[in-house]
Amino acid sequence: MIPLVSVIIPTFKRSQYINRAINSVINQTYKNIEIIVVDDNDLDDKYSLATKNKLKELIRNDQIIYIRHNHNRGVSAARNTGLEKAQGKYIAFLDDDDEFYPNKTKLQVDIFNNSKENIGLVYGACIKVDTDKNTEETILPKLNGNVYNVLGINHIGTPSMVMVSKFAIQKIKGFDIDLNHKEDIDLYYRLSKYFKFMYTNQTVTKYYLHAGSASKNDYDRLDKMLKFLKKHEHTLKKPRIRWSELQERLGELYIYNNNKGKAFHALVLAYLNRPLRLIILMKICLLFLGKKIFKFKNNLYNYFKK
């Protein structure tokens, strides 16, 4: 029997994209799919009304399962609401402004079905589209197998590119509702404690960045990074390379939030845990030149290291 896949789409203030996302699921080559849309707008505000109007034909024709929150509860809670309703053996997530490539579901289900390993998550390559800069970038998968001692920063990618087994995500009790940024790496990290990860090199998702999105909000990124570190700091400190990666990222976020003192402390800690990574010394020097120059130089370095 072909296993059922549940695709959970949380939506909040982006009704203009929701049909594109849903159509990318309807157009999957793999057809045994249920689509669960969780409307996380405040009940009957203009965004909720616009979303319901966009989806009325799909609701009427039973092409989607439509669930409304009474008020905005955040993306983690919305995904958990979808999980409570999901009947599938496998669960996929799709943000309301992203889209699946047609073969995504089949590729990932085949990996689950053909593997003899204890697999909890399957992901793949994605295309990252920055709508402000009008650029596209291919993000290739990196990690396979037992990744528990590697994960700290997000080496996997957006939830829109992953598929998880329902058994695995139920074991860790879904997403942490206190995290609406870093909720993805928190989920991956907790999953990786019990399950192995696998990937396909084929592109499975197109992922969009917009002005004002959480991934572009430096204050929100820092706040959630600190919550994630506080939650897991006792297990993340080893291996030292992982702790260095996290402190280096934390130092960058402090710089972007104009806190040079804490940035300096984090970057020094990053270097002490990984003294062969000389780029950290460059970042320590750059932080005294200010946020704008640091961002420019750091982005330049990241561009040329690809």
Protein backbone atom coordinates (compact mmCIF):
# COMPACT_ATOMS: atom_id res chain seq x y z
CA MET A 1 0.00 0.00 0.00
CA ILE A 2 1.28 3.49 -0.88
CA PRO A 3 1.70 5.37 2.42
CA LEU A 4 -0.23 8.57 3.07
CA VAL A 5 1.82 11.78 3.36
CA SER A 6 0.48 14.75 5.33
CA VAL A 7 1.65 18.18 4.14
CA ILE A 8 1.20 20.87 6.80
CA ILE A 9 1.03 24.49 5.59
CA PRO A 10 0.88 27.18 8.31
CA THR A 11 -0.16 30.59 7.00
CA PHE A 12 0.04 34.07 8.50
CA LYS A 13 -0.52 37.38 6.67
CA ARG A 14 0.55 35.96 3.30
CA SER A 15 -2.65 35.01 1.52
CA GLN A 16 -1.16 36.29 -1.75
CA TYR A 17 1.16 33.26 -1.89
CA ILE A 18 -0.95 30.49 -0.38
CA ASN A 19 -2.46 29.14 -3.62
CA ARG A 20 0.97 28.82 -5.20
CA ALA A 21 2.12 26.74 -2.24
CA ILE A 22 -0.97 24.51 -2.29
CA ASN A 23 -0.84 24.02 -6.06
CA SER A 24 2.75 22.83 -5.76
CA VAL A 25 1.47 20.05 -3.49
CA ILE A 26 -1.52 19.22 -5.67
CA ASN A 27 0.87 18.90 -8.64
CA GLN A 28 3.13 16.35 -6.94
CA THR A 29 3.83 13.21 -8.95
CA TYR A 30 3.07 11.30 -5.74
CA LYS A 31 -0.69 11.51 -5.18
CA ASN A 32 -1.51 9.94 -1.81
CA ILE A 33 -1.31 13.25 0.05
CA GLU A 34 -3.52 15.12 2.49
CA ILE A 35 -3.03 18.90 2.67
CA ILE A 36 -3.58 20.57 6.04
CA VAL A 37 -3.69 24.38 6.06
CA VAL A 38 -3.49 26.02 9.48
CA ASP A 39 -4.67 29.65 9.41
CA ASP A 40 -2.68 31.37 12.17
CA ASN A 41 -4.17 34.83 11.63
CA ASP A 42 -6.34 36.43 14.28
CA LEU A 43 -9.85 35.11 13.87
CA ASP A 44 -11.83 37.02 11.21
CA ASP A 45 -9.30 39.84 10.81
CA LYS A 46 -8.60 41.04 7.27
CA TYR A 47 -5.79 38.50 6.78
CA SER A 48 -7.91 35.58 7.93
CA LEU A 49 -10.81 36.67 5.72
CA ALA A 50 -8.49 37.09 2.72
CA THR A 51 -6.98 33.65 3.31
CA LYS A 52 -10.36 31.95 3.64
CA ASN A 53 -11.58 33.70 0.48
CA LYS A 54 -8.53 32.44 -1.43
CA LEU A 55 -9.14 28.90 -0.22
CA LYS A 56 -12.94 28.66 -0.43
CA GLU A 57 -13.00 26.50 -3.56
CA LEU A 58 -10.35 24.15 -2.18
CA ILE A 59 -12.28 23.86 1.09
CA ARG A 60 -15.58 23.28 -0.71
CA ASN A 61 -14.07 20.55 -2.89
CA ASP A 62 -12.38 18.84 0.10
CA GLN A 63 -8.96 19.32 -1.48
CA ILE A 64 -7.58 20.66 1.78
CA ILE A 65 -8.22 20.32 5.50
CA TYR A 66 -8.59 23.89 6.77
CA ILE A 67 -8.04 24.73 10.45
CA ARG A 68 -8.27 28.20 12.00
CA HIS A 69 -6.66 29.46 15.19
CA ASN A 70 -8.63 31.97 17.25
CA HIS A 71 -5.55 34.20 17.42
CA ASN A 72 -1.99 34.28 16.15
CA ARG A 73 0.01 31.65 18.05
CA GLY A 74 3.17 31.45 15.95
CA VAL A 75 4.51 29.06 13.34
CA SER A 76 5.57 26.36 15.80
CA ALA A 77 2.11 26.14 17.35
CA ALA A 78 0.53 26.17 13.88
CA ARG A 79 2.66 23.24 12.74
CA ASN A 80 1.81 21.37 15.95
CA THR A 81 -1.89 21.96 15.29
CA GLY A 82 -1.40 20.39 11.87
CA LEU A 83 0.44 17.46 13.44
CA GLU A 84 -2.50 16.75 15.75
CA LYS A 85 -4.76 16.39 12.70
CA ALA A 86 -2.30 14.57 10.42
CA GLN A 87 -3.07 10.98 9.47
CA GLY A 88 -0.02 10.36 7.29
CA LYS A 89 2.80 7.93 7.95
CA TYR A 90 5.14 10.70 6.81
CA ILE A 91 4.87 14.43 7.46
CA ALA A 92 6.09 17.27 5.24
CA PHE A 93 6.02 20.98 6.04
CA LEU A 94 5.55 23.83 3.59
CA ASP A 95 5.67 27.51 4.47
CA ASP A 96 2.90 29.50 2.82
CA ASP A 97 5.27 31.39 0.50
CA ASP A 98 7.43 28.43 -0.55
CA GLU A 99 6.75 25.73 -3.13
CA PHE A 100 7.59 22.08 -3.71
CA TYR A 101 9.22 20.75 -6.84
CA PRO A 102 6.92 18.14 -8.46
CA ASN A 103 8.98 15.07 -7.51
CA LYS A 104 9.74 16.06 -3.90
CA THR A 105 7.29 13.74 -2.17
CA LYS A 106 8.12 10.69 -4.27
CA LEU A 107 11.88 11.15 -3.85
CA GLN A 108 11.62 11.38 -0.08
CA VAL A 109 9.08 8.59 0.42
CA ASP A 110 11.28 6.30 -1.71
CA ILE A 111 14.27 7.01 0.51
CA PHE A 112 12.26 6.18 3.62
CA ASN A 113 10.84 3.02 2.09
CA ASN A 114 14.15 1.74 0.68
CA SER A 115 16.29 2.39 3.74
CA LYS A 116 17.02 -0.24 6.38
CA GLU A 117 18.39 2.42 8.73
CA ASN A 118 16.50 4.08 11.59
CA ILE A 119 15.60 7.13 9.50
CA GLY A 120 13.65 10.00 11.06
CA LEU A 121 14.17 12.77 8.50
CA VAL A 122 14.86 13.08 4.77
CA TYR A 123 15.77 16.35 3.05
CA GLY A 124 17.25 17.54 -0.22
CA ALA A 125 18.62 20.45 -2.21
CA CYS A 126 16.67 23.71 -2.44
CA ILE A 127 16.68 26.96 -4.37
CA LYS A 128 16.80 30.02 -2.09
CA VAL A 129 15.22 33.07 -3.72
CA ASP A 130 15.92 36.51 -2.19
CA THR A 131 13.10 38.67 -3.53
CA ASP A 132 14.75 41.91 -2.35
CA LYS A 133 18.02 41.27 -4.15
CA ASN A 134 16.41 39.36 -7.03
CA THR A 135 18.91 36.52 -6.60
CA GLU A 136 18.72 32.74 -6.54
CA GLU A 137 21.11 30.36 -4.79
CA THR A 138 21.21 26.57 -4.78
CA ILE A 139 21.66 25.09 -1.29
CA LEU A 140 23.03 21.55 -1.44
CA PRO A 141 22.57 18.97 1.33
CA LYS A 142 25.64 18.23 3.47
CA LEU A 143 24.93 15.88 6.35
CA ASN A 144 23.94 12.24 6.30
CA GLY A 145 23.54 9.49 8.86
CA ASN A 146 24.15 10.18 12.54
CA VAL A 147 24.35 13.99 12.77
CA TYR A 148 23.73 14.54 16.49
CA ASN A 149 27.31 15.60 17.24
CA VAL A 150 27.39 17.99 14.29
CA LEU A 151 24.12 19.91 14.45
CA GLY A 152 24.10 23.22 16.27
CA ILE A 153 23.72 25.79 13.54
CA ASN A 154 21.28 24.88 10.80
CA HIS A 155 23.14 22.59 8.38
CA ILE A 156 19.85 21.12 7.14
CA GLY A 157 17.74 24.06 5.90
CA THR A 158 14.16 25.26 5.89
CA PRO A 159 11.38 22.93 7.11
CA SER A 160 9.87 23.29 3.62
CA MET A 161 12.53 20.90 2.32
CA VAL A 162 12.23 18.11 4.89
CA MET A 163 10.02 15.10 5.40
CA VAL A 164 9.84 13.32 8.77
CA SER A 165 8.27 10.10 9.90
CA LYS A 166 5.22 10.65 12.08
CA PHE A 167 6.64 8.19 14.61
CA ALA A 168 9.83 10.24 14.93
CA ILE A 169 8.22 13.65 15.35
CA GLN A 170 5.68 12.30 17.83
CA LYS A 171 8.51 10.84 19.89
CA ILE A 172 10.00 14.33 20.41
CA LYS A 173 6.55 15.96 20.79
CA GLY A 174 6.74 18.24 17.76
CA PHE A 175 7.96 21.84 17.63
CA ASP A 176 8.89 23.99 20.63
CA ILE A 177 6.20 26.70 20.76
CA ASP A 178 8.60 29.07 22.56
CA LEU A 179 10.74 29.19 19.42
CA ASN A 180 9.41 30.73 16.21
CA HIS A 181 12.93 31.22 14.88
CA LYS A 182 15.47 28.46 15.48
CA GLU A 183 12.45 26.19 15.84
CA ASP A 184 13.75 24.25 12.85
CA ILE A 185 17.26 23.55 14.15
CA ASP A 186 15.78 22.79 17.59
CA LEU A 187 13.53 20.19 15.98
CA TYR A 188 16.37 18.71 13.90
CA TYR A 189 18.68 18.59 16.90
CA ARG A 190 16.15 16.75 19.06
CA LEU A 191 15.29 14.35 16.21
CA SER A 192 18.96 13.58 15.57
CA LYS A 193 19.39 12.27 19.11
CA TYR A 194 17.24 9.24 18.22
CA PHE A 195 17.17 8.97 14.41
CA LYS A 196 19.46 9.14 11.40
CA PHE A 197 19.04 11.64 8.56
CA MET A 198 19.28 11.02 4.82
CA TYR A 199 19.08 13.25 1.76
CA THR A 200 18.61 13.39 -1.99
CA ASN A 201 20.88 15.60 -4.10
CA GLN A 202 17.92 16.56 -6.26
CA THR A 203 16.21 19.92 -5.75
CA VAL A 204 13.00 19.50 -3.78
CA THR A 205 11.91 23.00 -2.75
CA LYS A 206 11.98 26.65 -3.75
CA TYR A 207 12.42 28.77 -0.61
CA TYR A 208 11.64 32.51 -0.64
CA LEU A 209 13.09 35.30 1.49
CA HIS A 210 11.09 38.54 1.76
CA ALA A 211 11.63 41.87 3.48
CA GLY A 212 10.55 41.60 7.10
CA SER A 213 10.75 37.81 7.27
CA ALA A 214 12.05 36.31 10.52
CA SER A 215 15.26 35.18 8.84
CA LYS A 216 16.03 38.85 8.04
CA ASN A 217 15.13 40.25 11.47
CA ASP A 218 18.42 40.53 13.35
CA TYR A 219 16.86 41.20 16.76
CA ASP A 220 14.51 38.21 16.50
CA ARG A 221 17.33 35.97 15.29
CA LEU A 222 19.48 36.92 18.28
CA ASP A 223 16.63 36.49 20.77
CA LYS A 224 15.78 33.00 19.50
CA MET A 225 19.46 32.03 19.24
CA LEU A 226 19.91 32.84 22.93
CA LYS A 227 16.81 30.80 23.84
CA PHE A 228 18.06 27.85 21.80
CA LEU A 229 21.51 28.01 23.45
CA LYS A 230 20.01 28.27 26.91
CA LYS A 231 17.82 25.25 26.24
CA HIS A 232 20.61 23.01 24.95
CA GLU A 233 23.90 24.54 26.17
CA HIS A 234 24.88 21.53 28.30
CA THR A 235 24.80 19.16 25.34
CA LEU A 236 26.00 21.59 22.65
CA LYS A 237 29.38 22.45 24.22
CA LYS A 238 30.98 19.29 22.87
CA PRO A 239 32.42 18.70 20.33
CA ARG A 240 34.41 21.94 20.51
CA ILE A 241 34.04 22.67 16.78
CA ARG A 242 30.26 22.77 17.12
CA TRP A 243 30.47 25.10 20.13
CA SER A 244 32.85 27.32 18.16
CA GLU A 245 30.41 27.47 15.23
CA LEU A 246 27.61 28.50 17.57
CA GLN A 247 29.68 31.18 19.29
CA GLU A 248 30.86 32.53 15.95
CA ARG A 249 27.25 32.84 14.77
CA LEU A 250 26.26 34.37 18.11
CA GLY A 251 29.08 36.93 17.76
CA GLU A 252 27.80 37.93 14.32
CA LEU A 253 24.28 38.40 15.66
CA TYR A 254 25.55 40.57 18.51
CA ILE A 255 27.39 42.75 15.98
CA TYR A 256 24.24 43.05 13.86
CA ASN A 257 22.47 44.22 17.03
CA ASN A 258 25.24 46.77 17.83
CA ASN A 259 26.57 45.02 20.92
CA LYS A 260 30.34 44.98 20.36
CA GLY A 261 31.20 43.87 23.90
CA LYS A 262 29.19 40.65 23.78
CA ALA A 263 30.22 40.11 20.17
CA PHE A 264 33.88 40.27 21.17
CA HIS A 265 33.35 37.79 24.01
CA ALA A 266 31.51 35.31 21.77
CA LEU A 267 34.09 35.52 18.97
CA VAL A 268 37.01 35.07 21.36
CA LEU A 269 35.28 31.98 22.77
CA ALA A 270 34.73 30.74 19.22
CA TYR A 271 38.44 31.14 18.44
CA LEU A 272 39.62 29.47 21.65
CA ASN A 273 37.54 26.43 20.76
CA ARG A 274 38.80 26.38 17.15
CA PRO A 275 42.19 28.17 16.93
CA LEU A 276 42.94 26.93 13.40
CA ARG A 277 39.98 28.90 12.01
CA LEU A 278 41.77 32.18 11.35
CA ILE A 279 38.69 33.82 9.83
CA ILE A 280 37.44 34.28 13.41
CA LEU A 281 40.42 36.55 14.09
CA MET A 282 39.46 38.61 11.04
CA LYS A 283 35.94 38.96 12.39
CA ILE A 284 37.27 40.11 15.78
CA CYS A 285 39.22 42.86 14.02
CA LEU A 286 36.28 43.83 11.79
CA LEU A 287 33.82 44.23 14.64
CA PHE A 288 35.60 47.42 15.75
CA LEU A 289 34.92 48.97 12.33
CA GLY A 290 31.17 48.90 12.86
CA LYS A 291 28.14 46.89 11.82
CA LYS A 292 27.94 48.13 8.22
CA ILE A 293 31.54 47.30 7.32
CA PHE A 294 31.40 44.00 9.21
CA LYS A 295 28.28 42.92 7.32
CA PHE A 296 29.78 43.89 3.97
CA LYS A 297 33.08 42.07 4.57
CA ASN A 298 31.40 39.02 6.09
CA ASN A 299 28.95 38.73 3.19
CA LEU A 300 31.85 39.11 0.76
CA TYR A 301 33.76 36.31 2.46
CA ASN A 302 30.71 34.03 2.46
CA TYR A 303 30.21 34.71 -1.27
CA PHE A 304 33.75 33.77 -2.28
CA LYS A 305 33.97 30.66 -0.08
CA LYS A 306 31.13 28.98 -1.99
